[in-house]
PDB file of all heavy atoms in Angstrom:
ATOM      1  N   SER A   1       0.810  -1.228   0.000  1.00  0.00           N
ATOM      2  CA  SER A   1       0.000   0.000   0.000  1.00  0.00           C
ATOM      3  C   SER A   1       0.839   1.272   0.000  1.00  0.00           C
ATOM      4  O   SER A   1       0.303   2.354   0.207  1.00  0.00           O
ATOM      5  CB  SER A   1      -0.934   0.002   1.223  1.00  0.00           C
ATOM      6  OG  SER A   1      -0.184  -0.008   2.425  1.00  0.00           O
ATOM      7  N   GLY A   2       2.143   1.172  -0.208  1.00  0.00           N
ATOM      8  CA  GLY A   2       2.985   2.363  -0.249  1.00  0.00           C
ATOM      9  C   GLY A   2       3.407   2.836   1.121  1.00  0.00           C
ATOM     10  O   GLY A   2       3.516   4.040   1.368  1.00  0.00           O
ATOM     11  N   LYS A   3       3.674   1.897   2.022  1.00  0.00           N
ATOM     12  CA  LYS A   3       4.043   2.241   3.404  1.00  0.00           C
ATOM     13  C   LYS A   3       5.294   3.096   3.461  1.00  0.00           C
ATOM     14  O   LYS A   3       5.319   4.143   4.122  1.00  0.00           O
ATOM     15  CB  LYS A   3       4.244   0.953   4.211  1.00  0.00           C
ATOM     16  CG  LYS A   3       4.903   1.144   5.556  1.00  0.00           C
ATOM     17  CD  LYS A   3       5.107  -0.173   6.259  1.00  0.00           C
ATOM     18  CE  LYS A   3       6.140  -1.028   5.575  1.00  0.00           C
ATOM     19  NZ  LYS A   3       7.522  -0.478   5.674  1.00  0.00           N
ATOM     20  N   THR A   4       6.358   2.664   2.763  1.00  0.00           N
ATOM     21  CA  THR A   4       7.621   3.399   2.818  1.00  0.00           C
ATOM     22  C   THR A   4       7.463   4.791   2.234  1.00  0.00           C
ATOM     23  O   THR A   4       7.981   5.774   2.781  1.00  0.00           O
ATOM     24  CB  THR A   4       8.713   2.622   2.063  1.00  0.00           C
ATOM     25  OG1 THR A   4       8.838   1.312   2.622  1.00  0.00           O
ATOM     26  CG2 THR A   4      10.049   3.335   2.161  1.00  0.00           C
ATOM     27  N   LYS A   5       6.738   4.887   1.123  1.00  0.00           N
ATOM     28  CA  LYS A   5       6.504   6.194   0.500  1.00  0.00           C
ATOM     29  C   LYS A   5       5.762   7.119   1.462  1.00  0.00           C
ATOM     30  O   LYS A   5       6.114   8.302   1.602  1.00  0.00           O
ATOM     31  CB  LYS A   5       5.699   6.016  -0.782  1.00  0.00           C
ATOM     32  CG  LYS A   5       5.341   7.310  -1.483  1.00  0.00           C
ATOM     33  CD  LYS A   5       4.552   7.038  -2.755  1.00  0.00           C
ATOM     34  CE  LYS A   5       4.210   8.334  -3.491  1.00  0.00           C
ATOM     35  NZ  LYS A   5       3.461   8.062  -4.746  1.00  0.00           N
ATOM     36  N   THR A   6       4.763   6.590   2.133  1.00  0.00           N
ATOM     37  CA  THR A   6       3.973   7.412   3.055  1.00  0.00           C
ATOM     38  C   THR A   6       4.816   7.892   4.224  1.00  0.00           C
ATOM     39  O   THR A   6       4.787   9.078   4.583  1.00  0.00           O
ATOM     40  CB  THR A   6       2.763   6.608   3.566  1.00  0.00           C
ATOM     41  OG1 THR A   6       1.977   6.172   2.448  1.00  0.00           O
ATOM     42  CG2 THR A   6       1.907   7.447   4.490  1.00  0.00           C
ATOM     43  N   LEU A   7       5.580   6.994   4.816  1.00  0.00           N
ATOM     44  CA  LEU A   7       6.387   7.369   5.974  1.00  0.00           C
ATOM     45  C   LEU A   7       7.483   8.352   5.585  1.00  0.00           C
ATOM     46  O   LEU A   7       7.730   9.342   6.296  1.00  0.00           O
ATOM     47  CB  LEU A   7       6.990   6.118   6.610  1.00  0.00           C
ATOM     48  CG  LEU A   7       7.719   6.304   7.948  1.00  0.00           C
ATOM     49  CD1 LEU A   7       6.810   6.963   8.968  1.00  0.00           C
ATOM     50  CD2 LEU A   7       8.214   4.963   8.476  1.00  0.00           C
ATOM     51  N   ALA A   8       8.149   8.103   4.457  1.00  0.00           N
ATOM     52  CA  ALA A   8       9.211   9.011   4.013  1.00  0.00           C
ATOM     53  C   ALA A   8       8.639  10.390   3.698  1.00  0.00           C
ATOM     54  O   ALA A   8       9.257  11.421   4.006  1.00  0.00           O
ATOM     55  CB  ALA A   8       9.921   8.439   2.795  1.00  0.00           C
ATOM     56  N   THR A   9       7.465  10.434   3.082  1.00  0.00           N
ATOM     57  CA  THR A   9       6.847  11.725   2.753  1.00  0.00           C
ATOM     58  C   THR A   9       6.420  12.450   4.019  1.00  0.00           C
ATOM     59  O   THR A   9       6.508  13.680   4.101  1.00  0.00           O
ATOM     60  CB  THR A   9       5.637  11.519   1.827  1.00  0.00           C
ATOM     61  OG1 THR A   9       6.033  10.772   0.673  1.00  0.00           O
ATOM     62  CG2 THR A   9       5.085  12.858   1.352  1.00  0.00           C
ATOM     63  N   ARG A  10       5.978  11.709   5.023  1.00  0.00           N
ATOM     64  CA  ARG A  10       5.631  12.363   6.289  1.00  0.00           C
ATOM     65  C   ARG A  10       6.871  12.980   6.931  1.00  0.00           C
ATOM     66  O   ARG A  10       6.816  14.097   7.461  1.00  0.00           O
ATOM     67  CB  ARG A  10       4.971  11.370   7.252  1.00  0.00           C
ATOM     68  CG  ARG A  10       4.704  11.977   8.626  1.00  0.00           C
ATOM     69  CD  ARG A  10       3.677  11.221   9.426  1.00  0.00           C
ATOM     70  NE  ARG A  10       3.528  11.745  10.778  1.00  0.00           N
ATOM     71  CZ  ARG A  10       2.872  12.854  11.107  1.00  0.00           C
ATOM     72  NH1 ARG A  10       2.272  13.572  10.161  1.00  0.00           N
ATOM     73  NH2 ARG A  10       2.784  13.248  12.357  1.00  0.00           N
ATOM     74  N   VAL A  11       7.997  12.259   6.889  1.00  0.00           N
ATOM     75  CA  VAL A  11       9.239  12.813   7.430  1.00  0.00           C
ATOM     76  C   VAL A  11       9.585  14.118   6.714  1.00  0.00           C
ATOM     77  O   VAL A  11       9.915  15.133   7.349  1.00  0.00           O
ATOM     78  CB  VAL A  11      10.392  11.797   7.296  1.00  0.00           C
ATOM     79  CG1 VAL A  11      11.727  12.441   7.657  1.00  0.00           C
ATOM     80  CG2 VAL A  11      10.144  10.579   8.165  1.00  0.00           C
ATOM     81  N   ALA A  12       9.508  14.097   5.379  1.00  0.00           N
ATOM     82  CA  ALA A  12       9.815  15.302   4.607  1.00  0.00           C
ATOM     83  C   ALA A  12       8.836  16.428   4.935  1.00  0.00           C
ATOM     84  O   ALA A  12       9.224  17.597   5.045  1.00  0.00           O
ATOM     85  CB  ALA A  12       9.773  14.984   3.113  1.00  0.00           C
ATOM     86  N   ARG A  13       7.579  16.076   5.105  1.00  0.00           N
ATOM     87  CA  ARG A  13       6.554  17.102   5.393  1.00  0.00           C
ATOM     88  C   ARG A  13       6.802  17.736   6.760  1.00  0.00           C
ATOM     89  O   ARG A  13       6.579  18.943   6.937  1.00  0.00           O
ATOM     90  CB  ARG A  13       5.174  16.446   5.354  1.00  0.00           C
ATOM     91  CG  ARG A  13       4.018  17.445   5.452  1.00  0.00           C
ATOM     92  CD  ARG A  13       3.933  18.315   4.211  1.00  0.00           C
ATOM     93  NE  ARG A  13       2.845  19.271   4.321  1.00  0.00           N
ATOM     94  CZ  ARG A  13       2.940  20.453   4.925  1.00  0.00           C
ATOM     95  NH1 ARG A  13       4.089  20.811   5.494  1.00  0.00           N
ATOM     96  NH2 ARG A  13       1.918  21.274   4.958  1.00  0.00           N
ATOM     97  N   LEU A  14       7.251  16.948   7.724  1.00  0.00           N
ATOM     98  CA  LEU A  14       7.565  17.501   9.041  1.00  0.00           C
ATOM     99  C   LEU A  14       8.705  18.508   8.941  1.00  0.00           C
ATOM    100  O   LEU A  14       8.678  19.568   9.580  1.00  0.00           O
ATOM    101  CB  LEU A  14       7.940  16.378  10.010  1.00  0.00           C
ATOM    102  CG  LEU A  14       6.811  15.426  10.422  1.00  0.00           C
ATOM    103  CD1 LEU A  14       7.362  14.269  11.250  1.00  0.00           C
ATOM    104  CD2 LEU A  14       5.726  16.172  11.204  1.00  0.00           C
ATOM    105  N   VAL A  15       9.723  18.189   8.122  1.00  0.00           N
ATOM    106  CA  VAL A  15      10.843  19.115   7.935  1.00  0.00           C
ATOM    107  C   VAL A  15      10.360  20.389   7.269  1.00  0.00           C
ATOM    108  O   VAL A  15      10.751  21.505   7.637  1.00  0.00           O
ATOM    109  CB  VAL A  15      11.960  18.444   7.114  1.00  0.00           C
ATOM    110  CG1 VAL A  15      13.067  19.439   6.790  1.00  0.00           C
ATOM    111  CG2 VAL A  15      12.535  17.254   7.880  1.00  0.00           C
ATOM    112  N   MET A  16       9.494  20.244   6.262  1.00  0.00           N
ATOM    113  CA  MET A  16       8.959  21.428   5.589  1.00  0.00           C
ATOM    114  C   MET A  16       8.146  22.298   6.541  1.00  0.00           C
ATOM    115  O   MET A  16       8.055  23.513   6.366  1.00  0.00           O
ATOM    116  CB  MET A  16       8.096  21.002   4.408  1.00  0.00           C
ATOM    117  CG  MET A  16       8.872  20.346   3.268  1.00  0.00           C
ATOM    118  SD  MET A  16       7.781  19.802   1.943  1.00  0.00           S
ATOM    119  CE  MET A  16       7.104  21.383   1.407  1.00  0.00           C
ATOM    120  N   ALA A  17       7.565  21.659   7.575  1.00  0.00           N
ATOM    121  CA  ALA A  17       6.773  22.410   8.550  1.00  0.00           C
ATOM    122  C   ALA A  17       7.640  23.018   9.648  1.00  0.00           C
ATOM    123  O   ALA A  17       7.112  23.628  10.581  1.00  0.00           O
ATOM    124  CB  ALA A  17       5.719  21.496   9.177  1.00  0.00           C
ATOM    125  N   GLY A  18       8.975  22.837   9.545  1.00  0.00           N
ATOM    126  CA  GLY A  18       9.874  23.483  10.483  1.00  0.00           C
ATOM    127  C   GLY A  18      10.564  22.562  11.455  1.00  0.00           C
ATOM    128  O   GLY A  18      11.326  23.019  12.310  1.00  0.00           O
ATOM    129  N   ALA A  19      10.324  21.250  11.360  1.00  0.00           N
ATOM    130  CA  ALA A  19      10.987  20.313  12.277  1.00  0.00           C
ATOM    131  C   ALA A  19      12.472  20.217  11.954  1.00  0.00           C
ATOM    132  O   ALA A  19      12.866  20.200  10.786  1.00  0.00           O
ATOM    133  CB  ALA A  19      10.335  18.934  12.169  1.00  0.00           C
ATOM    134  N   ASP A  20      13.287  20.171  13.004  1.00  0.00           N
ATOM    135  CA  ASP A  20      14.731  20.033  12.844  1.00  0.00           C
ATOM    136  C   ASP A  20      15.051  18.571  12.536  1.00  0.00           C
ATOM    137  O   ASP A  20      14.709  17.681  13.326  1.00  0.00           O
ATOM    138  CB  ASP A  20      15.425  20.460  14.137  1.00  0.00           C
ATOM    139  CG  ASP A  20      16.947  20.488  14.017  1.00  0.00           C
ATOM    140  OD1 ASP A  20      17.477  19.850  13.087  1.00  0.00           O
ATOM    141  OD2 ASP A  20      17.588  21.151  14.852  1.00  0.00           O
ATOM    142  N   PRO A  21      15.690  18.276  11.393  1.00  0.00           N
ATOM    143  CA  PRO A  21      16.011  16.876  11.064  1.00  0.00           C
ATOM    144  C   PRO A  21      16.833  16.185  12.142  1.00  0.00           C
ATOM    145  O   PRO A  21      16.761  14.962  12.277  1.00  0.00           O
ATOM    146  CB  PRO A  21      16.805  17.006   9.753  1.00  0.00           C
ATOM    147  CG  PRO A  21      16.390  18.306   9.172  1.00  0.00           C
ATOM    148  CD  PRO A  21      16.111  19.210  10.334  1.00  0.00           C
ATOM    149  N   GLN A  22      17.608  16.960  12.909  1.00  0.00           N
ATOM    150  CA  GLN A  22      18.434  16.358  13.947  1.00  0.00           C
ATOM    151  C   GLN A  22      17.661  16.085  15.238  1.00  0.00           C
ATOM    152  O   GLN A  22      18.224  15.536  16.181  1.00  0.00           O
ATOM    153  CB  GLN A  22      19.638  17.251  14.228  1.00  0.00           C
ATOM    154  CG  GLN A  22      20.507  17.467  12.990  1.00  0.00           C
ATOM    155  CD  GLN A  22      21.845  18.073  13.328  1.00  0.00           C
ATOM    156  OE1 GLN A  22      22.559  17.559  14.174  1.00  0.00           O
ATOM    157  NE2 GLN A  22      22.195  19.157  12.661  1.00  0.00           N
ATOM    158  N   ARG A  23      16.405  16.467  15.248  1.00  0.00           N
ATOM    159  CA  ARG A  23      15.550  16.193  16.399  1.00  0.00           C
ATOM    160  C   ARG A  23      14.390  15.270  16.017  1.00  0.00           C
ATOM    161  O   ARG A  23      13.361  15.246  16.680  1.00  0.00           O
ATOM    162  CB  ARG A  23      15.033  17.504  17.001  1.00  0.00           C
ATOM    163  CG  ARG A  23      16.161  18.354  17.610  1.00  0.00           C
ATOM    164  CD  ARG A  23      15.633  19.681  18.145  1.00  0.00           C
ATOM    165  NE  ARG A  23      14.617  19.502  19.179  1.00  0.00           N
ATOM    166  CZ  ARG A  23      14.880  19.262  20.458  1.00  0.00           C
ATOM    167  NH1 ARG A  23      16.137  19.154  20.864  1.00  0.00           N
ATOM    168  NH2 ARG A  23      13.910  19.129  21.329  1.00  0.00           N
ATOM    169  N   ILE A  24      14.584  14.530  14.927  1.00  0.00           N
ATOM    170  CA  ILE A  24      13.613  13.521  14.496  1.00  0.00           C
ATOM    171  C   ILE A  24      14.234  12.149  14.727  1.00  0.00           C
ATOM    172  O   ILE A  24      15.323  11.861  14.239  1.00  0.00           O
ATOM    173  CB  ILE A  24      13.241  13.693  13.010  1.00  0.00           C
ATOM    174  CG1 ILE A  24      12.485  15.003  12.799  1.00  0.00           C
ATOM    175  CG2 ILE A  24      12.403  12.509  12.530  1.00  0.00           C
ATOM    176  CD1 ILE A  24      12.132  15.278  11.340  1.00  0.00           C
ATOM    177  N   LEU A  25      13.560  11.309  15.479  1.00  0.00           N
ATOM    178  CA  LEU A  25      14.014   9.942  15.733  1.00  0.00           C
ATOM    179  C   LEU A  25      13.218   9.009  14.829  1.00  0.00           C
ATOM    180  O   LEU A  25      11.988   8.921  14.934  1.00  0.00           O
ATOM    181  CB  LEU A  25      13.799   9.572  17.203  1.00  0.00           C
ATOM    182  CG  LEU A  25      14.137   8.129  17.607  1.00  0.00           C
ATOM    183  CD1 LEU A  25      15.602   7.813  17.319  1.00  0.00           C
ATOM    184  CD2 LEU A  25      13.815   7.889  19.082  1.00  0.00           C
ATOM    185  N   LEU A  26      13.917   8.326  13.935  1.00  0.00           N
ATOM    186  CA  LEU A  26      13.285   7.416  12.988  1.00  0.00           C
ATOM    187  C   LEU A  26      13.805   6.010  13.260  1.00  0.00           C
ATOM    188  O   LEU A  26      14.975   5.712  13.025  1.00  0.00           O
ATOM    189  CB  LEU A  26      13.606   7.838  11.550  1.00  0.00           C
ATOM    190  CG  LEU A  26      13.050   6.975  10.422  1.00  0.00           C
ATOM    191  CD1 LEU A  26      11.540   6.874  10.523  1.00  0.00           C
ATOM    192  CD2 LEU A  26      13.443   7.567   9.068  1.00  0.00           C
ATOM    193  N   LEU A  27      12.947   5.136  13.757  1.00  0.00           N
ATOM    194  CA  LEU A  27      13.339   3.787  14.157  1.00  0.00           C
ATOM    195  C   LEU A  27      12.848   2.762  13.148  1.00  0.00           C
ATOM    196  O   LEU A  27      11.670   2.735  12.786  1.00  0.00           O
ATOM    197  CB  LEU A  27      12.765   3.464  15.537  1.00  0.00           C
ATOM    198  CG  LEU A  27      13.329   4.296  16.697  1.00  0.00           C
ATOM    199  CD1 LEU A  27      12.494   4.101  17.954  1.00  0.00           C
ATOM    200  CD2 LEU A  27      14.780   3.931  16.964  1.00  0.00           C
ATOM    201  N   THR A  28      13.766   1.915  12.692  1.00  0.00           N
ATOM    202  CA  THR A  28      13.445   0.857  11.739  1.00  0.00           C
ATOM    203  C   THR A  28      14.020  -0.457  12.269  1.00  0.00           C
ATOM    204  O   THR A  28      14.582  -0.506  13.360  1.00  0.00           O
ATOM    205  CB  THR A  28      14.035   1.157  10.350  1.00  0.00           C
ATOM    206  OG1 THR A  28      15.479   1.133  10.451  1.00  0.00           O
ATOM    207  CG2 THR A  28      13.606   2.528   9.852  1.00  0.00           C
ATOM    208  N   PHE A  29      13.912  -1.519  11.454  1.00  0.00           N
ATOM    209  CA  PHE A  29      14.432  -2.817  11.885  1.00  0.00           C
ATOM    210  C   PHE A  29      15.666  -3.243  11.113  1.00  0.00           C
ATOM    211  O   PHE A  29      16.138  -4.359  11.273  1.00  0.00           O
ATOM    212  CB  PHE A  29      13.340  -3.886  11.804  1.00  0.00           C
ATOM    213  CG  PHE A  29      12.442  -3.871  13.011  1.00  0.00           C
ATOM    214  CD1 PHE A  29      11.365  -2.997  13.079  1.00  0.00           C
ATOM    215  CD2 PHE A  29      12.697  -4.684  14.089  1.00  0.00           C
ATOM    216  CE1 PHE A  29      10.554  -2.950  14.198  1.00  0.00           C
ATOM    217  CE2 PHE A  29      11.896  -4.652  15.220  1.00  0.00           C
ATOM    218  CZ  PHE A  29      10.816  -3.783  15.280  1.00  0.00           C
ATOM    219  N   SER A  30      16.204  -2.375  10.273  1.00  0.00           N
ATOM    220  CA  SER A  30      17.492  -2.642   9.627  1.00  0.00           C
ATOM    221  C   SER A  30      18.094  -1.305   9.230  1.00  0.00           C
ATOM    222  O   SER A  30      17.376  -0.331   8.972  1.00  0.00           O
ATOM    223  CB  SER A  30      17.336  -3.548   8.391  1.00  0.00           C
ATOM    224  OG  SER A  30      16.799  -2.828   7.299  1.00  0.00           O
ATOM    225  N   ARG A  31      19.408  -1.272   9.191  1.00  0.00           N
ATOM    226  CA  ARG A  31      20.082  -0.033   8.802  1.00  0.00           C
ATOM    227  C   ARG A  31      19.769   0.326   7.355  1.00  0.00           C
ATOM    228  O   ARG A  31      19.663   1.497   6.999  1.00  0.00           O
ATOM    229  CB  ARG A  31      21.590  -0.184   9.003  1.00  0.00           C
ATOM    230  CG  ARG A  31      22.351   1.129   8.837  1.00  0.00           C
ATOM    231  CD  ARG A  31      23.811   0.946   9.152  1.00  0.00           C
ATOM    232  NE  ARG A  31      24.442  -0.037   8.287  1.00  0.00           N
ATOM    233  CZ  ARG A  31      25.685  -0.480   8.454  1.00  0.00           C
ATOM    234  NH1 ARG A  31      26.387  -0.053   9.478  1.00  0.00           N
ATOM    235  NH2 ARG A  31      26.203  -1.351   7.633  1.00  0.00           N
ATOM    236  N   ARG A  32      19.607  -0.706   6.519  1.00  0.00           N
ATOM    237  CA  ARG A  32      19.265  -0.442   5.117  1.00  0.00           C
ATOM    238  C   ARG A  32      17.910   0.233   5.005  1.00  0.00           C
ATOM    239  O   ARG A  32      17.720   1.120   4.179  1.00  0.00           O
ATOM    240  CB  ARG A  32      19.287  -1.757   4.332  1.00  0.00           C
ATOM    241  CG  ARG A  32      20.689  -2.315   4.118  1.00  0.00           C
ATOM    242  CD  ARG A  32      20.660  -3.684   3.489  1.00  0.00           C
ATOM    243  NE  ARG A  32      20.069  -4.689   4.374  1.00  0.00           N
ATOM    244  CZ  ARG A  32      20.728  -5.276   5.366  1.00  0.00           C
ATOM    245  NH1 ARG A  32      21.989  -4.951   5.611  1.00  0.00           N
ATOM    246  NH2 ARG A  32      20.147  -6.188   6.115  1.00  0.00           N
ATOM    247  N   ALA A  33      16.953  -0.195   5.839  1.00  0.00           N
ATOM    248  CA  ALA A  33      15.636   0.432   5.811  1.00  0.00           C
ATOM    249  C   ALA A  33      15.728   1.886   6.247  1.00  0.00           C
ATOM    250  O   ALA A  33      15.060   2.768   5.682  1.00  0.00           O
ATOM    251  CB  ALA A  33      14.677  -0.339   6.717  1.00  0.00           C
ATOM    252  N   ALA A  34      16.559   2.158   7.249  1.00  0.00           N
ATOM    253  CA  ALA A  34      16.735   3.546   7.697  1.00  0.00           C
ATOM    254  C   ALA A  34      17.376   4.392   6.611  1.00  0.00           C
ATOM    255  O   ALA A  34      16.960   5.539   6.368  1.00  0.00           O
ATOM    256  CB  ALA A  34      17.596   3.574   8.965  1.00  0.00           C
ATOM    257  N   ALA A  35      18.388   3.839   5.934  1.00  0.00           N
ATOM    258  CA  ALA A  35      19.045   4.580   4.854  1.00  0.00           C
ATOM    259  C   ALA A  35      18.079   4.838   3.708  1.00  0.00           C
ATOM    260  O   ALA A  35      18.080   5.926   3.102  1.00  0.00           O
ATOM    261  CB  ALA A  35      20.262   3.798   4.357  1.00  0.00           C
ATOM    262  N   GLU A  36      17.239   3.845   3.398  1.00  0.00           N
ATOM    263  CA  GLU A  36      16.261   4.023   2.320  1.00  0.00           C
ATOM    264  C   GLU A  36      15.238   5.083   2.694  1.00  0.00           C
ATOM    265  O   GLU A  36      14.841   5.910   1.857  1.00  0.00           O
ATOM    266  CB  GLU A  36      15.565   2.687   2.040  1.00  0.00           C
ATOM    267  CG  GLU A  36      14.413   2.751   1.043  1.00  0.00           C
ATOM    268  CD  GLU A  36      14.848   3.093  -0.366  1.00  0.00           C
ATOM    269  OE1 GLU A  36      16.075   3.130  -0.628  1.00  0.00           O
ATOM    270  OE2 GLU A  36      13.967   3.332  -1.208  1.00  0.00           O
ATOM    271  N   MET A  37      14.804   5.101   3.945  1.00  0.00           N
ATOM    272  CA  MET A  37      13.850   6.102   4.396  1.00  0.00           C
ATOM    273  C   MET A  37      14.459   7.495   4.298  1.00  0.00           C
ATOM    274  O   MET A  37      13.810   8.446   3.830  1.00  0.00           O
ATOM    275  CB  MET A  37      13.444   5.803   5.836  1.00  0.00           C
ATOM    276  CG  MET A  37      12.144   6.455   6.255  1.00  0.00           C
ATOM    277  SD  MET A  37      10.719   5.689   5.454  1.00  0.00           S
ATOM    278  CE  MET A  37      10.766   4.058   6.182  1.00  0.00           C
ATOM    279  N   GLU A  38      15.718   7.624   4.709  1.00  0.00           N
ATOM    280  CA  GLU A  38      16.405   8.909   4.647  1.00  0.00           C
ATOM    281  C   GLU A  38      16.564   9.362   3.201  1.00  0.00           C
ATOM    282  O   GLU A  38      16.348  10.537   2.872  1.00  0.00           O
ATOM    283  CB  GLU A  38      17.765   8.789   5.327  1.00  0.00           C
ATOM    284  CG  GLU A  38      18.520  10.100   5.455  1.00  0.00           C
ATOM    285  CD  GLU A  38      19.824   9.921   6.212  1.00  0.00           C
ATOM    286  OE1 GLU A  38      20.315   8.781   6.304  1.00  0.00           O
ATOM    287  OE2 GLU A  38      20.355  10.930   6.701  1.00  0.00           O
ATOM    288  N   ARG A  39      16.905   8.425   2.313  1.00  0.00           N
ATOM    289  CA  ARG A  39      17.091   8.767   0.899  1.00  0.00           C
ATOM    290  C   ARG A  39      15.783   9.242   0.263  1.00  0.00           C
ATOM    291  O   ARG A  39      15.752  10.257  -0.444  1.00  0.00           O
ATOM    292  CB  ARG A  39      17.615   7.549   0.144  1.00  0.00           C
ATOM    293  CG  ARG A  39      17.922   7.797  -1.335  1.00  0.00           C
ATOM    294  CD  ARG A  39      18.292   6.511  -2.046  1.00  0.00           C
ATOM    295  NE  ARG A  39      17.168   5.599  -2.140  1.00  0.00           N
ATOM    296  CZ  ARG A  39      16.223   5.681  -3.077  1.00  0.00           C
ATOM    297  NH1 ARG A  39      16.260   6.653  -3.979  1.00  0.00           N
ATOM    298  NH2 ARG A  39      15.230   4.813  -3.102  1.00  0.00           N
ATOM    299  N   ARG A  40      14.714   8.535   0.552  1.00  0.00           N
ATOM    300  CA  ARG A  40      13.439   8.884  -0.075  1.00  0.00           C
ATOM    301  C   ARG A  40      12.873  10.181   0.493  1.00  0.00           C
ATOM    302  O   ARG A  40      12.251  10.967  -0.233  1.00  0.00           O
ATOM    303  CB  ARG A  40      12.456   7.725   0.080  1.00  0.00           C
ATOM    304  CG  ARG A  40      12.897   6.507  -0.710  1.00  0.00           C
ATOM    305  CD  ARG A  40      11.941   5.351  -0.619  1.00  0.00           C
ATOM    306  NE  ARG A  40      10.673   5.618  -1.300  1.00  0.00           N
ATOM    307  CZ  ARG A  40       9.796   4.674  -1.612  1.00  0.00           C
ATOM    308  NH1 ARG A  40      10.063   3.400  -1.317  1.00  0.00           N
ATOM    309  NH2 ARG A  40       8.666   4.970  -2.201  1.00  0.00           N
ATOM    310  N   ALA A  41      13.078  10.422   1.787  1.00  0.00           N
ATOM    311  CA  ALA A  41      12.646  11.705   2.352  1.00  0.00           C
ATOM    312  C   ALA A  41      13.421  12.846   1.703  1.00  0.00           C
ATOM    313  O   ALA A  41      12.857  13.918   1.408  1.00  0.00           O
ATOM    314  CB  ALA A  41      12.861  11.705   3.866  1.00  0.00           C
ATOM    315  N   GLY A  42      14.722  12.628   1.445  1.00  0.00           N
ATOM    316  CA  GLY A  42      15.526  13.639   0.764  1.00  0.00           C
ATOM    317  C   GLY A  42      15.036  13.903  -0.645  1.00  0.00           C
ATOM    318  O   GLY A  42      15.023  15.053  -1.116  1.00  0.00           O
ATOM    319  N   GLN A  43      14.625  12.852  -1.357  1.00  0.00           N
ATOM    320  CA  GLN A  43      14.098  13.028  -2.709  1.00  0.00           C
ATOM    321  C   GLN A  43      12.832  13.880  -2.700  1.00  0.00           C
ATOM    322  O   GLN A  43      12.650  14.753  -3.563  1.00  0.00           O
ATOM    323  CB  GLN A  43      13.801  11.661  -3.330  1.00  0.00           C
ATOM    324  CG  GLN A  43      15.031  10.866  -3.718  1.00  0.00           C
ATOM    325  CD  GLN A  43      14.666   9.520  -4.315  1.00  0.00           C
ATOM    326  OE1 GLN A  43      13.580   8.988  -4.090  1.00  0.00           O
ATOM    327  NE2 GLN A  43      15.575   8.947  -5.084  1.00  0.00           N
ATOM    328  N   VAL A  44      11.957  13.616  -1.729  1.00  0.00           N
ATOM    329  CA  VAL A  44      10.725  14.404  -1.634  1.00  0.00           C
ATOM    330  C   VAL A  44      11.055  15.869  -1.382  1.00  0.00           C
ATOM    331  O   VAL A  44      10.477  16.772  -1.998  1.00  0.00           O
ATOM    332  CB  VAL A  44       9.818  13.850  -0.516  1.00  0.00           C
ATOM    333  CG1 VAL A  44       8.608  14.760  -0.318  1.00  0.00           C
ATOM    334  CG2 VAL A  44       9.358  12.431  -0.849  1.00  0.00           C
TER     335      VAL A  44
END
């Protein structure tokens, strides 16, 4: 259902709303998943 896309876009939207990226805690179950989330949020 586009879970990763939704979560990554929410992260990007929070930054656009003024959230400090260094004060966002993003927890996943693998480092690769965290890197992919970070990459996709950056693309957005």
